[in-house]
Amino acid sequence: MALLHRAELRPSKLELVAAWLPGRSWFQGAAADIARVASYRFDDPAGEVGIETFLVRAGAGPVYQVPLTYRGAPLDGAEAWLVGTCEHSVLGRRWVYDGCGDPVYAAALADAVLAGADQAREYFEVDGRREYRELSMAITVDGARPAEVPHVDSVDRVEDGDPTRIVAGPLELAVVRRLDDHVDQSGSRLTGSWEGQETPLTLAYATVR
């Protein structure tokens, strides 16, 4: 579950993404035209790190995938993956990272792709009860699953391309940045569909070496 706060963020998540995307080698488009298409979340079992993946489009261009993690303090050694900081009106300053460089995201993605963990449900607390927000997309998993998902507590290497490859011990994860029908992959894969995209597209895939 992901508890949401009715809060103001300055700058907003989309503003942070729009400022960061033009510096990526795999992005083509104009930052001013970036709009949200859909999003999905994973749970951090420790409840410390927010994990949210945005699908965005620049004008009439392709849909890009941007996983983000939100932290209450800087992540040691992850300066290269910092998207920016923002002020949350409830939680205070938040450090926002490209999830591909964050071991908490890598662990959550591995659980989704290799163990079939579902996306987190988002809810608000209203007068002591939960009000759930409607999911904006569906995610599914197919492919062979290992008997046991390797534990991830650190990231050994990240290759920032499309796909972006994350190596953590015996585990290799690949995050597709530009979503289309032409992705070569092996192992288990995570797919997604949303309004206007009824045919599931590959979001990520994983193999255990």
N, C-alpha and C. Protein backbone atom coordinates (compact mmCIF):
# COMPACT_ATOMS: atom_id res chain seq x y z
N MET A 1 0.83 -1.19 0.00
CA MET A 1 0.00 0.00 0.00
C MET A 1 0.87 1.25 0.00
N ALA A 2 0.40 2.30 -0.64
CA ALA A 2 1.12 3.57 -0.68
C ALA A 2 0.21 4.67 -0.16
N LEU A 3 0.53 5.19 1.03
CA LEU A 3 -0.24 6.28 1.61
C LEU A 3 0.12 7.58 0.91
N LEU A 4 -0.88 8.26 0.38
CA LEU A 4 -0.67 9.53 -0.29
C LEU A 4 -1.07 10.67 0.63
N HIS A 5 -0.37 11.79 0.50
CA HIS A 5 -0.68 12.98 1.28
C HIS A 5 -1.27 14.04 0.34
N ARG A 6 -2.28 14.72 0.81
CA ARG A 6 -2.81 15.84 0.04
C ARG A 6 -1.87 17.02 0.30
N ALA A 7 -0.86 17.09 -0.52
CA ALA A 7 0.24 18.02 -0.26
C ALA A 7 0.65 18.72 -1.54
N GLU A 8 1.40 19.79 -1.35
CA GLU A 8 1.96 20.54 -2.47
C GLU A 8 3.45 20.25 -2.57
N LEU A 9 3.94 20.02 -3.80
CA LEU A 9 5.36 19.80 -4.04
C LEU A 9 5.90 20.92 -4.91
N ARG A 10 7.03 21.47 -4.48
CA ARG A 10 7.70 22.53 -5.26
C ARG A 10 9.16 22.18 -5.43
N PRO A 11 9.64 21.99 -6.66
CA PRO A 11 8.85 21.86 -7.88
C PRO A 11 8.05 20.57 -7.89
N SER A 12 7.13 20.45 -8.82
CA SER A 12 6.32 19.25 -8.91
C SER A 12 7.15 18.10 -9.48
N LYS A 13 6.63 16.88 -9.36
CA LYS A 13 7.33 15.73 -9.91
C LYS A 13 7.51 15.88 -11.41
N LEU A 14 6.47 16.32 -12.10
CA LEU A 14 6.57 16.44 -13.55
C LEU A 14 7.56 17.53 -13.95
N GLU A 15 7.66 18.59 -13.16
CA GLU A 15 8.65 19.64 -13.44
C GLU A 15 10.06 19.10 -13.26
N LEU A 16 10.27 18.27 -12.25
CA LEU A 16 11.58 17.66 -12.07
C LEU A 16 11.94 16.77 -13.25
N VAL A 17 10.98 15.94 -13.68
CA VAL A 17 11.22 15.04 -14.81
C VAL A 17 11.50 15.84 -16.08
N ALA A 18 10.75 16.91 -16.30
CA ALA A 18 10.92 17.72 -17.51
C ALA A 18 12.29 18.38 -17.55
N ALA A 19 12.83 18.75 -16.39
CA ALA A 19 14.16 19.37 -16.35
C ALA A 19 15.27 18.33 -16.52
N TRP A 20 15.00 17.10 -16.13
CA TRP A 20 16.03 16.05 -16.14
C TRP A 20 16.10 15.31 -17.47
N LEU A 21 14.97 15.08 -18.10
CA LEU A 21 14.94 14.24 -19.30
C LEU A 21 15.82 14.73 -20.45
N PRO A 22 15.86 16.02 -20.75
CA PRO A 22 16.67 16.45 -21.91
C PRO A 22 18.14 16.07 -21.82
N GLY A 23 18.66 15.79 -20.65
CA GLY A 23 20.05 15.38 -20.51
C GLY A 23 20.29 13.91 -20.73
N ARG A 24 19.24 13.14 -21.01
CA ARG A 24 19.39 11.70 -21.24
C ARG A 24 19.67 11.42 -22.71
N SER A 25 20.60 10.54 -22.96
CA SER A 25 20.99 10.22 -24.34
C SER A 25 19.85 9.56 -25.10
N TRP A 26 18.93 8.92 -24.40
CA TRP A 26 17.85 8.17 -25.05
C TRP A 26 16.58 8.99 -25.24
N PHE A 27 16.61 10.25 -24.84
CA PHE A 27 15.41 11.09 -24.96
C PHE A 27 15.48 12.00 -26.18
N GLN A 28 14.37 12.10 -26.87
CA GLN A 28 14.23 13.02 -27.99
C GLN A 28 12.92 13.77 -27.82
N GLY A 29 12.98 15.08 -27.86
CA GLY A 29 11.76 15.85 -27.70
C GLY A 29 12.05 17.17 -27.02
N ALA A 30 10.98 17.90 -26.71
CA ALA A 30 11.09 19.20 -26.06
C ALA A 30 10.54 19.10 -24.64
N ALA A 31 11.32 19.53 -23.67
CA ALA A 31 10.92 19.41 -22.28
C ALA A 31 9.61 20.14 -22.00
N ALA A 32 9.38 21.24 -22.70
CA ALA A 32 8.16 22.02 -22.46
C ALA A 32 6.90 21.25 -22.82
N ASP A 33 7.04 20.22 -23.63
CA ASP A 33 5.87 19.47 -24.10
C ASP A 33 5.59 18.22 -23.27
N ILE A 34 6.37 17.95 -22.23
CA ILE A 34 6.23 16.70 -21.49
C ILE A 34 4.93 16.67 -20.69
N ALA A 35 4.21 15.55 -20.84
CA ALA A 35 2.96 15.36 -20.12
C ALA A 35 2.91 13.93 -19.57
N ARG A 36 2.25 13.76 -18.45
CA ARG A 36 2.09 12.44 -17.84
C ARG A 36 1.09 11.61 -18.64
N VAL A 37 1.42 10.35 -18.86
CA VAL A 37 0.52 9.41 -19.53
C VAL A 37 -0.13 8.49 -18.50
N ALA A 38 0.68 7.91 -17.61
CA ALA A 38 0.20 7.00 -16.57
C ALA A 38 1.33 6.82 -15.57
N SER A 39 1.08 6.07 -14.51
CA SER A 39 2.13 5.79 -13.53
C SER A 39 1.76 4.55 -12.73
N TYR A 40 2.76 3.96 -12.09
CA TYR A 40 2.52 2.85 -11.18
C TYR A 40 3.55 2.90 -10.07
N ARG A 41 3.22 2.29 -8.94
CA ARG A 41 4.08 2.33 -7.76
C ARG A 41 4.42 0.92 -7.29
N PHE A 42 5.57 0.82 -6.61
CA PHE A 42 5.94 -0.38 -5.87
C PHE A 42 6.03 -0.02 -4.39
N ASP A 43 5.94 -1.05 -3.54
CA ASP A 43 6.11 -0.87 -2.10
C ASP A 43 7.57 -1.04 -1.70
N ASP A 44 8.02 -0.21 -0.79
CA ASP A 44 9.27 -0.45 -0.07
C ASP A 44 8.89 -1.16 1.22
N PRO A 45 9.31 -2.41 1.41
CA PRO A 45 8.92 -3.14 2.63
C PRO A 45 9.28 -2.40 3.92
N ALA A 46 10.34 -1.60 3.88
CA ALA A 46 10.75 -0.85 5.07
C ALA A 46 9.91 0.41 5.28
N GLY A 47 9.16 0.80 4.25
CA GLY A 47 8.31 1.97 4.36
C GLY A 47 9.04 3.29 4.38
N GLU A 48 10.30 3.31 3.92
CA GLU A 48 11.11 4.52 4.00
C GLU A 48 11.22 5.26 2.67
N VAL A 49 11.17 4.52 1.57
CA VAL A 49 11.43 5.09 0.26
C VAL A 49 10.18 5.00 -0.62
N GLY A 50 9.80 6.12 -1.21
CA GLY A 50 8.71 6.09 -2.17
C GLY A 50 9.24 5.63 -3.52
N ILE A 51 8.48 4.78 -4.20
CA ILE A 51 8.90 4.23 -5.50
C ILE A 51 7.76 4.43 -6.48
N GLU A 52 7.97 5.28 -7.45
CA GLU A 52 6.91 5.60 -8.42
C GLU A 52 7.51 5.70 -9.82
N THR A 53 6.88 5.04 -10.77
CA THR A 53 7.35 5.07 -12.15
C THR A 53 6.36 5.86 -13.00
N PHE A 54 6.88 6.86 -13.70
CA PHE A 54 6.06 7.68 -14.58
C PHE A 54 6.24 7.25 -16.03
N LEU A 55 5.14 7.25 -16.76
CA LEU A 55 5.18 7.18 -18.21
C LEU A 55 4.82 8.57 -18.72
N VAL A 56 5.69 9.14 -19.53
CA VAL A 56 5.49 10.51 -20.02
C VAL A 56 5.67 10.54 -21.53
N ARG A 57 5.10 11.56 -22.12
CA ARG A 57 5.23 11.76 -23.57
C ARG A 57 5.55 13.22 -23.83
N ALA A 58 6.41 13.48 -24.79
CA ALA A 58 6.72 14.84 -25.22
C ALA A 58 5.98 15.12 -26.52
N GLY A 59 4.93 15.90 -26.44
CA GLY A 59 4.13 16.18 -27.62
C GLY A 59 3.53 14.91 -28.20
N ALA A 60 3.71 14.72 -29.49
CA ALA A 60 3.18 13.54 -30.18
C ALA A 60 4.22 12.43 -30.27
N GLY A 61 5.32 12.56 -29.51
CA GLY A 61 6.39 11.58 -29.58
C GLY A 61 6.09 10.30 -28.83
N PRO A 62 7.10 9.45 -28.66
CA PRO A 62 6.91 8.17 -27.98
C PRO A 62 6.70 8.34 -26.48
N VAL A 63 6.28 7.27 -25.84
CA VAL A 63 6.13 7.25 -24.39
C VAL A 63 7.44 6.79 -23.77
N TYR A 64 7.89 7.54 -22.77
CA TYR A 64 9.12 7.21 -22.05
C TYR A 64 8.79 6.76 -20.63
N GLN A 65 9.63 5.88 -20.11
CA GLN A 65 9.46 5.37 -18.76
C GLN A 65 10.53 5.96 -17.83
N VAL A 66 10.08 6.55 -16.72
CA VAL A 66 10.98 7.20 -15.78
C VAL A 66 10.67 6.72 -14.36
N PRO A 67 11.42 5.74 -13.83
CA PRO A 67 11.22 5.33 -12.44
C PRO A 67 11.91 6.30 -11.50
N LEU A 68 11.20 6.69 -10.45
CA LEU A 68 11.73 7.63 -9.47
C LEU A 68 11.65 7.02 -8.07
N THR A 69 12.62 7.39 -7.22
CA THR A 69 12.52 7.08 -5.80
C THR A 69 12.57 8.39 -5.03
N TYR A 70 11.83 8.43 -3.94
CA TYR A 70 11.74 9.63 -3.09
C TYR A 70 12.30 9.28 -1.72
N ARG A 71 13.26 10.05 -1.28
CA ARG A 71 13.93 9.79 0.00
C ARG A 71 13.93 11.03 0.88
N GLY A 72 13.96 10.78 2.20
CA GLY A 72 14.00 11.87 3.16
C GLY A 72 15.40 12.36 3.45
N ALA A 73 16.43 11.72 2.87
CA ALA A 73 17.83 12.12 3.03
C ALA A 73 18.58 11.67 1.80
N PRO A 74 19.74 12.26 1.49
CA PRO A 74 20.50 11.85 0.30
C PRO A 74 20.91 10.38 0.39
N LEU A 75 20.97 9.73 -0.76
CA LEU A 75 21.44 8.36 -0.87
C LEU A 75 22.94 8.39 -1.12
N ASP A 76 23.72 7.81 -0.23
CA ASP A 76 25.17 7.85 -0.34
C ASP A 76 25.63 7.23 -1.67
N GLY A 77 26.54 7.94 -2.33
CA GLY A 77 27.15 7.44 -3.56
C GLY A 77 26.26 7.50 -4.77
N ALA A 78 25.10 8.15 -4.69
CA ALA A 78 24.15 8.15 -5.81
C ALA A 78 23.99 9.52 -6.45
N GLU A 79 25.01 10.37 -6.31
CA GLU A 79 24.89 11.73 -6.85
C GLU A 79 24.60 11.72 -8.35
N ALA A 80 25.16 10.75 -9.07
CA ALA A 80 24.96 10.70 -10.52
C ALA A 80 23.52 10.41 -10.90
N TRP A 81 22.73 9.89 -9.95
CA TRP A 81 21.36 9.51 -10.24
C TRP A 81 20.34 10.46 -9.64
N LEU A 82 20.82 11.56 -9.08
CA LEU A 82 19.90 12.53 -8.48
C LEU A 82 19.16 13.30 -9.58
N VAL A 83 17.84 13.23 -9.55
CA VAL A 83 17.02 13.99 -10.49
C VAL A 83 16.84 15.41 -9.97
N GLY A 84 16.70 15.56 -8.67
CA GLY A 84 16.56 16.88 -8.07
C GLY A 84 15.98 16.76 -6.68
N THR A 85 15.74 17.88 -6.04
CA THR A 85 15.09 17.92 -4.74
C THR A 85 13.81 18.73 -4.85
N CYS A 86 12.89 18.44 -3.94
CA CYS A 86 11.65 19.21 -3.91
C CYS A 86 11.22 19.39 -2.46
N GLU A 87 10.37 20.37 -2.24
CA GLU A 87 9.83 20.62 -0.91
C GLU A 87 8.40 20.09 -0.86
N HIS A 88 8.18 19.13 0.03
CA HIS A 88 6.88 18.50 0.23
C HIS A 88 6.22 19.19 1.43
N SER A 89 5.00 19.69 1.25
CA SER A 89 4.38 20.50 2.29
C SER A 89 4.08 19.71 3.56
N VAL A 90 4.10 18.37 3.49
CA VAL A 90 3.88 17.54 4.67
C VAL A 90 5.17 16.89 5.15
N LEU A 91 5.95 16.34 4.24
CA LEU A 91 7.13 15.55 4.59
C LEU A 91 8.43 16.34 4.60
N GLY A 92 8.41 17.57 4.10
CA GLY A 92 9.63 18.36 4.05
C GLY A 92 10.43 18.09 2.79
N ARG A 93 11.73 18.33 2.87
CA ARG A 93 12.57 18.16 1.68
C ARG A 93 12.68 16.70 1.29
N ARG A 94 12.56 16.44 -0.02
CA ARG A 94 12.67 15.09 -0.55
C ARG A 94 13.74 15.07 -1.62
N TRP A 95 14.58 14.04 -1.59
CA TRP A 95 15.60 13.83 -2.61
C TRP A 95 15.05 12.82 -3.61
N VAL A 96 15.02 13.21 -4.88
CA VAL A 96 14.37 12.41 -5.92
C VAL A 96 15.45 11.84 -6.83
N TYR A 97 15.46 10.52 -6.98
CA TYR A 97 16.49 9.83 -7.76
C TYR A 97 15.89 9.08 -8.95
N ASP A 98 16.70 8.95 -9.99
CA ASP A 98 16.40 7.98 -11.03
C ASP A 98 16.46 6.62 -10.36
N GLY A 99 15.36 5.89 -10.35
CA GLY A 99 15.30 4.64 -9.63
C GLY A 99 16.34 3.62 -10.06
N CYS A 100 16.82 3.73 -11.28
CA CYS A 100 17.78 2.73 -11.77
C CYS A 100 19.08 2.74 -10.96
N GLY A 101 19.35 3.83 -10.26
CA GLY A 101 20.55 3.89 -9.44
C GLY A 101 20.28 3.66 -7.97
N ASP A 102 19.06 3.27 -7.62
CA ASP A 102 18.67 3.11 -6.22
C ASP A 102 18.41 1.64 -5.93
N PRO A 103 19.12 1.04 -4.97
CA PRO A 103 18.95 -0.38 -4.70
C PRO A 103 17.54 -0.75 -4.22
N VAL A 104 16.83 0.18 -3.60
CA VAL A 104 15.46 -0.12 -3.16
C VAL A 104 14.55 -0.32 -4.37
N TYR A 105 14.74 0.50 -5.40
CA TYR A 105 13.98 0.30 -6.63
C TYR A 105 14.37 -1.02 -7.29
N ALA A 106 15.65 -1.31 -7.36
CA ALA A 106 16.11 -2.55 -7.99
C ALA A 106 15.49 -3.76 -7.31
N ALA A 107 15.44 -3.74 -5.98
CA ALA A 107 14.85 -4.85 -5.24
C ALA A 107 13.37 -4.98 -5.53
N ALA A 108 12.67 -3.86 -5.56
CA ALA A 108 11.23 -3.89 -5.83
C ALA A 108 10.94 -4.35 -7.25
N LEU A 109 11.75 -3.90 -8.21
CA LEU A 109 11.55 -4.33 -9.60
C LEU A 109 11.82 -5.82 -9.74
N ALA A 110 12.85 -6.32 -9.07
CA ALA A 110 13.15 -7.75 -9.11
C ALA A 110 11.99 -8.56 -8.55
N ASP A 111 11.40 -8.11 -7.46
CA ASP A 111 10.25 -8.81 -6.88
C ASP A 111 9.07 -8.82 -7.84
N ALA A 112 8.89 -7.73 -8.58
CA ALA A 112 7.78 -7.66 -9.53
C ALA A 112 8.02 -8.59 -10.72
N VAL A 113 9.21 -8.51 -11.32
CA VAL A 113 9.46 -9.26 -12.55
C VAL A 113 9.66 -10.74 -12.28
N LEU A 114 10.34 -11.07 -11.18
CA LEU A 114 10.72 -12.45 -10.93
C LEU A 114 9.79 -13.18 -9.97
N ALA A 115 9.05 -12.45 -9.15
CA ALA A 115 8.15 -13.10 -8.19
C ALA A 115 6.69 -12.71 -8.39
N GLY A 116 6.43 -11.81 -9.35
CA GLY A 116 5.06 -11.45 -9.64
C GLY A 116 4.42 -10.50 -8.65
N ALA A 117 5.23 -9.78 -7.86
CA ALA A 117 4.66 -8.80 -6.93
C ALA A 117 3.90 -7.73 -7.70
N ASP A 118 2.70 -7.40 -7.24
CA ASP A 118 1.84 -6.47 -7.95
C ASP A 118 2.22 -5.03 -7.61
N GLN A 119 1.65 -4.09 -8.36
CA GLN A 119 1.87 -2.69 -8.04
C GLN A 119 1.16 -2.32 -6.74
N ALA A 120 1.66 -1.29 -6.08
CA ALA A 120 1.07 -0.85 -4.82
C ALA A 120 -0.21 -0.09 -5.08
N ARG A 121 -1.19 -0.32 -4.23
CA ARG A 121 -2.43 0.47 -4.27
C ARG A 121 -2.20 1.78 -3.55
N GLU A 122 -2.68 2.87 -4.12
CA GLU A 122 -2.52 4.20 -3.56
C GLU A 122 -3.80 4.60 -2.83
N TYR A 123 -3.64 5.21 -1.64
CA TYR A 123 -4.83 5.59 -0.89
C TYR A 123 -4.57 6.85 -0.06
N PHE A 124 -5.66 7.52 0.27
CA PHE A 124 -5.65 8.65 1.19
C PHE A 124 -6.35 8.21 2.48
N GLU A 125 -5.91 8.76 3.61
CA GLU A 125 -6.61 8.57 4.87
C GLU A 125 -7.63 9.71 5.01
N VAL A 126 -8.91 9.34 5.07
CA VAL A 126 -9.98 10.34 5.19
C VAL A 126 -10.88 9.96 6.35
N ASP A 127 -10.85 10.76 7.41
CA ASP A 127 -11.69 10.51 8.59
C ASP A 127 -11.53 9.09 9.10
N GLY A 128 -10.28 8.61 9.15
CA GLY A 128 -10.00 7.30 9.69
C GLY A 128 -10.26 6.13 8.77
N ARG A 129 -10.58 6.40 7.52
CA ARG A 129 -10.79 5.30 6.57
C ARG A 129 -9.94 5.54 5.32
N ARG A 130 -9.74 4.47 4.57
CA ARG A 130 -8.92 4.56 3.37
C ARG A 130 -9.77 4.82 2.13
N GLU A 131 -9.36 5.80 1.35
CA GLU A 131 -9.99 6.05 0.05
C GLU A 131 -8.95 5.75 -1.02
N TYR A 132 -9.19 4.72 -1.81
CA TYR A 132 -8.22 4.27 -2.80
C TYR A 132 -8.33 5.07 -4.09
N ARG A 133 -7.17 5.36 -4.67
CA ARG A 133 -7.15 6.05 -5.95
C ARG A 133 -7.14 5.02 -7.07
N GLU A 134 -7.90 5.28 -8.10
CA GLU A 134 -8.00 4.35 -9.21
C GLU A 134 -6.64 4.21 -9.90
N LEU A 135 -6.27 2.97 -10.22
CA LEU A 135 -5.02 2.73 -10.92
C LEU A 135 -5.10 3.33 -12.33
N SER A 136 -3.97 3.89 -12.78
CA SER A 136 -3.96 4.50 -14.11
C SER A 136 -3.45 3.56 -15.19
N MET A 137 -2.94 2.37 -14.79
CA MET A 137 -2.48 1.39 -15.75
C MET A 137 -2.45 0.02 -15.10
N ALA A 138 -2.29 -1.01 -15.93
CA ALA A 138 -2.18 -2.38 -15.44
C ALA A 138 -0.80 -2.90 -15.76
N ILE A 139 -0.24 -3.69 -14.84
CA ILE A 139 1.04 -4.35 -15.10
C ILE A 139 0.86 -5.86 -14.92
N THR A 140 1.57 -6.62 -15.73
CA THR A 140 1.51 -8.07 -15.68
C THR A 140 2.92 -8.63 -15.88
N VAL A 141 3.10 -9.90 -15.54
CA VAL A 141 4.40 -10.55 -15.66
C VAL A 141 4.23 -11.83 -16.46
N ASP A 142 5.18 -12.12 -17.34
CA ASP A 142 5.20 -13.42 -17.98
C ASP A 142 6.64 -13.91 -18.11
N GLY A 143 6.78 -15.17 -18.41
CA GLY A 143 8.12 -15.76 -18.51
C GLY A 143 8.43 -16.63 -17.30
N ALA A 144 9.51 -17.37 -17.41
CA ALA A 144 9.92 -18.28 -16.33
C ALA A 144 10.35 -17.51 -15.10
N ARG A 145 10.06 -18.08 -13.92
CA ARG A 145 10.45 -17.45 -12.67
C ARG A 145 11.42 -18.35 -11.92
N PRO A 146 12.45 -17.77 -11.31
CA PRO A 146 13.39 -18.59 -10.54
C PRO A 146 12.75 -19.09 -9.26
N ALA A 147 13.33 -20.12 -8.68
CA ALA A 147 12.81 -20.65 -7.42
C ALA A 147 12.93 -19.63 -6.31
N GLU A 148 13.95 -18.78 -6.39
CA GLU A 148 14.16 -17.77 -5.36
C GLU A 148 14.70 -16.50 -5.99
N VAL A 149 14.17 -15.36 -5.58
CA VAL A 149 14.63 -14.08 -6.10
C VAL A 149 15.85 -13.64 -5.30
N PRO A 150 16.98 -13.36 -5.96
CA PRO A 150 18.18 -12.92 -5.22
C PRO A 150 17.90 -11.66 -4.41
N HIS A 151 18.48 -11.61 -3.22
CA HIS A 151 18.32 -10.43 -2.38
C HIS A 151 19.15 -9.28 -2.96
N VAL A 152 18.57 -8.09 -2.98
CA VAL A 152 19.27 -6.90 -3.49
C VAL A 152 19.41 -5.89 -2.36
N ASP A 153 20.65 -5.57 -1.98
CA ASP A 153 20.87 -4.50 -1.02
C ASP A 153 21.84 -3.44 -1.55
N SER A 154 22.36 -3.68 -2.76
CA SER A 154 23.23 -2.69 -3.40
C SER A 154 23.21 -2.92 -4.90
N VAL A 155 23.61 -1.91 -5.63
CA VAL A 155 23.70 -1.98 -7.09
C VAL A 155 25.17 -1.97 -7.47
N ASP A 156 25.59 -2.96 -8.24
CA ASP A 156 27.00 -3.06 -8.63
C ASP A 156 27.33 -2.16 -9.81
N ARG A 157 26.41 -2.09 -10.78
CA ARG A 157 26.70 -1.33 -12.00
C ARG A 157 25.39 -0.94 -12.68
N VAL A 158 25.38 0.24 -13.28
CA VAL A 158 24.24 0.70 -14.08
C VAL A 158 24.76 1.17 -15.42
N GLU A 159 24.19 0.67 -16.49
CA GLU A 159 24.51 1.11 -17.84
C GLU A 159 23.34 1.94 -18.34
N ASP A 160 23.54 3.26 -18.38
CA ASP A 160 22.45 4.19 -18.67
C ASP A 160 22.24 4.30 -20.18
N GLY A 161 21.37 3.46 -20.69
CA GLY A 161 21.01 3.49 -22.10
C GLY A 161 19.56 3.10 -22.23
N ASP A 162 19.18 2.67 -23.40
CA ASP A 162 17.82 2.17 -23.60
C ASP A 162 17.90 0.78 -24.23
N PRO A 163 17.67 -0.27 -23.42
CA PRO A 163 17.26 -0.21 -22.02
C PRO A 163 18.40 0.16 -21.08
N THR A 164 18.05 0.64 -19.90
CA THR A 164 19.03 0.86 -18.85
C THR A 164 19.22 -0.44 -18.09
N ARG A 165 20.47 -0.89 -17.99
CA ARG A 165 20.75 -2.19 -17.37
C ARG A 165 21.29 -1.99 -15.95
N ILE A 166 20.74 -2.76 -15.04
CA ILE A 166 21.11 -2.71 -13.63
C ILE A 166 21.67 -4.07 -13.25
N VAL A 167 22.89 -4.09 -12.75
CA VAL A 167 23.51 -5.34 -12.31
C VAL A 167 23.64 -5.30 -10.80
N ALA A 168 23.08 -6.33 -10.14
CA ALA A 168 23.14 -6.42 -8.68
C ALA A 168 23.42 -7.88 -8.33
N GLY A 169 24.67 -8.19 -8.04
CA GLY A 169 25.03 -9.59 -7.78
C GLY A 169 24.73 -10.45 -8.99
N PRO A 170 24.02 -11.56 -8.80
CA PRO A 170 23.71 -12.46 -9.93
C PRO A 170 22.53 -11.99 -10.76
N LEU A 171 21.96 -10.86 -10.39
CA LEU A 171 20.73 -10.38 -11.01
C LEU A 171 21.03 -9.29 -12.03
N GLU A 172 20.42 -9.41 -13.21
CA GLU A 172 20.49 -8.33 -14.20
C GLU A 172 19.08 -7.91 -14.56
N LEU A 173 18.82 -6.62 -14.37
CA LEU A 173 17.53 -6.02 -14.70
C LEU A 173 17.70 -5.07 -15.86
N ALA A 174 16.69 -4.96 -16.68
CA ALA A 174 16.72 -4.02 -17.80
C ALA A 174 15.43 -3.22 -17.78
N VAL A 175 15.55 -1.91 -17.76
CA VAL A 175 14.41 -1.00 -17.74
C VAL A 175 14.29 -0.35 -19.11
N VAL A 176 13.19 -0.60 -19.79
CA VAL A 176 12.97 -0.02 -21.12
C VAL A 176 12.61 1.45 -20.95
N ARG A 177 13.30 2.31 -21.65
CA ARG A 177 13.05 3.75 -21.53
C ARG A 177 12.01 4.23 -22.55
N ARG A 178 12.20 3.86 -23.80
CA ARG A 178 11.26 4.26 -24.84
C ARG A 178 10.37 3.05 -25.14
N LEU A 179 9.09 3.18 -24.85
CA LEU A 179 8.19 2.05 -24.92
C LEU A 179 7.64 1.89 -26.33
N ASP A 180 7.90 0.74 -26.92
CA ASP A 180 7.36 0.43 -28.25
C ASP A 180 7.25 -1.07 -28.38
N ASP A 181 6.93 -1.54 -29.56
CA ASP A 181 6.68 -2.97 -29.77
C ASP A 181 7.93 -3.75 -30.12
N HIS A 182 9.08 -3.11 -30.17
CA HIS A 182 10.26 -3.76 -30.74
C HIS A 182 11.38 -3.87 -29.70
N VAL A 183 11.13 -4.64 -28.66
CA VAL A 183 12.12 -4.83 -27.61
C VAL A 183 12.54 -6.29 -27.58
N ASP A 184 13.84 -6.53 -27.73
CA ASP A 184 14.37 -7.88 -27.59
C ASP A 184 14.67 -8.13 -26.12
N GLN A 185 14.21 -9.27 -25.60
CA GLN A 185 14.46 -9.54 -24.20
C GLN A 185 14.54 -11.05 -23.97
N SER A 186 15.18 -11.40 -22.87
CA SER A 186 15.22 -12.78 -22.43
C SER A 186 14.82 -12.82 -20.97
N GLY A 187 14.47 -14.00 -20.47
CA GLY A 187 14.07 -14.13 -19.08
C GLY A 187 12.65 -13.67 -18.86
N SER A 188 12.34 -13.34 -17.61
CA SER A 188 11.00 -12.88 -17.24
C SER A 188 10.85 -11.40 -17.61
N ARG A 189 9.62 -10.99 -17.88
CA ARG A 189 9.42 -9.59 -18.25
C ARG A 189 8.16 -9.03 -17.60
N LEU A 190 8.20 -7.73 -17.37
CA LEU A 190 7.09 -6.96 -16.85
C LEU A 190 6.49 -6.18 -18.01
N THR A 191 5.18 -6.25 -18.17
CA THR A 191 4.52 -5.51 -19.25
C THR A 191 3.47 -4.59 -18.67
N GLY A 192 3.08 -3.59 -19.44
CA GLY A 192 2.08 -2.64 -18.97
C GLY A 192 1.15 -2.21 -20.08
N SER A 193 -0.05 -1.86 -19.70
CA SER A 193 -1.03 -1.31 -20.63
C SER A 193 -1.79 -0.20 -19.92
N TRP A 194 -2.32 0.73 -20.69
CA TRP A 194 -3.03 1.87 -20.13
C TRP A 194 -4.04 2.35 -21.16
N GLU A 195 -4.83 3.33 -20.79
CA GLU A 195 -5.85 3.85 -21.70
C GLU A 195 -5.20 4.35 -22.98
N GLY A 196 -5.68 3.84 -24.10
CA GLY A 196 -5.10 4.19 -25.39
C GLY A 196 -4.01 3.24 -25.82
N GLN A 197 -3.56 2.36 -24.93
CA GLN A 197 -2.53 1.35 -25.24
C GLN A 197 -3.02 0.03 -24.66
N GLU A 198 -3.91 -0.61 -25.40
CA GLU A 198 -4.52 -1.84 -24.88
C GLU A 198 -3.60 -3.04 -25.01
N THR A 199 -2.70 -3.03 -26.00
CA THR A 199 -1.74 -4.12 -26.14
C THR A 199 -0.59 -3.90 -25.18
N PRO A 200 -0.33 -4.82 -24.25
CA PRO A 200 0.75 -4.61 -23.27
C PRO A 200 2.11 -4.45 -23.95
N LEU A 201 2.88 -3.51 -23.44
CA LEU A 201 4.24 -3.27 -23.91
C LEU A 201 5.22 -3.65 -22.82
N THR A 202 6.42 -4.07 -23.24
CA THR A 202 7.44 -4.45 -22.26
C THR A 202 7.95 -3.24 -21.52
N LEU A 203 7.92 -3.31 -20.18
CA LEU A 203 8.44 -2.26 -19.31
C LEU A 203 9.85 -2.59 -18.80
N ALA A 204 10.06 -3.85 -18.45
CA ALA A 204 11.34 -4.27 -17.88
C ALA A 204 11.45 -5.79 -18.00
N TYR A 205 12.69 -6.28 -17.90
CA TYR A 205 12.90 -7.72 -17.88
C TYR A 205 14.10 -8.04 -17.02
N ALA A 206 14.20 -9.31 -16.64
CA ALA A 206 15.22 -9.70 -15.67
C ALA A 206 15.72 -11.09 -15.94
N THR A 207 16.99 -11.31 -15.64
CA THR A 207 17.58 -12.64 -15.70
C THR A 207 18.46 -12.83 -14.47
N VAL A 208 18.59 -14.08 -14.07
CA VAL A 208 19.48 -14.44 -12.95
C VAL A 208 20.61 -15.25 -13.52
N ARG A 209 21.84 -14.77 -13.33
CA ARG A 209 23.00 -15.44 -13.93
C ARG A 209 23.47 -16.60 -13.06
